[in-house]
Amino acid sequence: MPKRYADIEPIPADPDDPDDFDVPAENVRIGLIARDFRLLRKQTLKLSQEAFARRYSIPVGTLRDWEQGRSMPSETMIAFMELILDDPEKTAAVLDRDVA
């Protein structure tokens, strides 16, 4: 697992806000991973969810769930995200997808 996601701390509730609540470390981790997938797709690669999913052989519904924090990608998919980030064209080419 990338170090970025390994030592996540929970976020304590604001003691001055009676309606606030603690956010467990796992929920913070899910949020960070969701954001990273979304930023990779939208800002780095400038692809729609459909185009990213097609290019990297990920079901679009699964990608949506990851980006919205509804489900957690496996360790393998997190590693795959890092490969895409390192070299998006080569990763797509290995999958024999359109890189244009």
Protein backbone atom coordinates (compact mmCIF):
# COMPACT_ATOMS: atom_id res chain seq x y z
CA MET A 1 0.00 0.00 0.00
CA PRO A 2 1.28 3.47 -0.79
CA LYS A 3 2.70 5.16 2.27
CA ARG A 4 0.32 8.05 1.67
CA TYR A 5 -2.57 5.83 2.78
CA ALA A 6 -0.81 3.83 5.51
CA ASP A 7 -0.63 6.09 8.55
CA ILE A 8 -3.92 7.94 8.40
CA GLU A 9 -5.14 9.53 11.61
CA PRO A 10 -8.81 9.83 12.54
CA ILE A 11 -10.29 13.31 12.66
CA PRO A 12 -11.69 14.09 16.10
CA ALA A 13 -15.00 15.85 16.54
CA ASP A 14 -14.91 19.56 17.16
CA PRO A 15 -15.44 19.88 20.93
CA ASP A 16 -17.21 23.22 20.39
CA ASP A 17 -19.80 21.68 18.04
CA PRO A 18 -22.27 19.36 19.77
CA ASP A 19 -23.46 18.04 16.38
CA ASP A 20 -19.97 17.14 15.14
CA PHE A 21 -18.62 13.60 15.26
CA ASP A 22 -15.33 11.73 14.95
CA VAL A 23 -14.28 10.57 11.49
CA PRO A 24 -12.58 7.16 11.70
CA ALA A 25 -9.20 6.74 10.01
CA GLU A 26 -10.65 4.27 7.49
CA ASN A 27 -13.22 6.83 6.35
CA VAL A 28 -10.47 9.43 5.91
CA ARG A 29 -8.47 6.89 3.89
CA ILE A 30 -11.46 6.14 1.64
CA GLY A 31 -11.93 9.88 1.06
CA LEU A 32 -8.28 10.40 0.12
CA ILE A 33 -8.31 7.48 -2.32
CA ALA A 34 -11.59 8.70 -3.84
CA ARG A 35 -10.09 12.16 -4.33
CA ASP A 36 -6.88 10.77 -5.84
CA PHE A 37 -8.79 8.71 -8.42
CA ARG A 38 -10.97 11.71 -9.31
CA LEU A 39 -8.00 14.10 -9.62
CA LEU A 40 -6.03 11.63 -11.71
CA ARG A 41 -8.92 11.23 -14.12
CA LYS A 42 -10.17 14.82 -14.29
CA GLN A 43 -7.14 17.05 -13.78
CA THR A 44 -4.17 14.95 -14.84
CA LEU A 45 -5.68 13.03 -17.76
CA LYS A 46 -8.69 15.28 -18.49
CA LEU A 47 -10.92 12.28 -19.20
CA SER A 48 -14.59 11.67 -18.53
CA GLN A 49 -15.47 8.75 -16.28
CA GLU A 50 -16.59 6.80 -19.34
CA ALA A 51 -13.39 7.48 -21.29
CA PHE A 52 -11.13 6.66 -18.32
CA ALA A 53 -13.06 3.46 -17.57
CA ARG A 54 -12.87 2.32 -21.19
CA ARG A 55 -9.19 3.22 -21.55
CA TYR A 56 -8.12 1.33 -18.42
CA SER A 57 -10.64 -1.55 -18.50
CA ILE A 58 -12.45 -0.53 -15.32
CA PRO A 59 -16.24 -0.82 -15.18
CA VAL A 60 -17.61 2.73 -15.15
CA GLY A 61 -19.95 1.96 -12.24
CA THR A 62 -16.99 0.70 -10.20
CA LEU A 63 -15.03 3.87 -10.98
CA ARG A 64 -18.00 6.01 -9.94
CA ASP A 65 -18.27 4.12 -6.65
CA TRP A 66 -14.55 4.63 -5.94
CA GLU A 67 -14.67 8.33 -6.80
CA GLN A 68 -17.71 8.88 -4.60
CA GLY A 69 -16.28 6.86 -1.72
CA ARG A 70 -19.09 4.29 -1.85
CA SER A 71 -16.64 1.43 -2.18
CA MET A 72 -12.93 0.93 -1.72
CA PRO A 73 -10.61 -0.18 -4.53
CA SER A 74 -8.46 -3.21 -3.82
CA GLU A 75 -4.75 -2.84 -3.07
CA THR A 76 -4.14 -4.08 -6.63
CA MET A 77 -6.30 -1.31 -8.10
CA ILE A 78 -4.57 1.31 -5.95
CA ALA A 79 -1.24 0.06 -7.34
CA PHE A 80 -2.75 0.16 -10.85
CA MET A 81 -3.72 3.81 -10.23
CA GLU A 82 -0.06 4.54 -9.43
CA LEU A 83 1.02 2.90 -12.71
CA ILE A 84 -1.47 5.04 -14.61
CA LEU A 85 -0.18 8.14 -12.84
CA ASP A 86 3.46 7.26 -13.63
CA ASP A 87 2.87 6.55 -17.33
CA PRO A 88 -0.73 6.80 -18.57
CA GLU A 89 0.04 6.15 -22.23
CA LYS A 90 2.20 3.10 -21.60
CA THR A 91 -0.36 1.66 -19.19
CA ALA A 92 -3.12 2.09 -21.78
CA ALA A 93 -0.89 0.60 -24.48
CA VAL A 94 -0.23 -2.49 -22.38
CA LEU A 95 -4.00 -2.89 -22.17
CA ASP A 96 -4.16 -2.33 -25.94
CA ARG A 97 -6.43 0.70 -25.58
CA ASP A 98 -6.60 3.87 -27.60
CA VAL A 99 -4.02 6.30 -26.24
CA ALA A 100 -4.93 9.24 -28.49
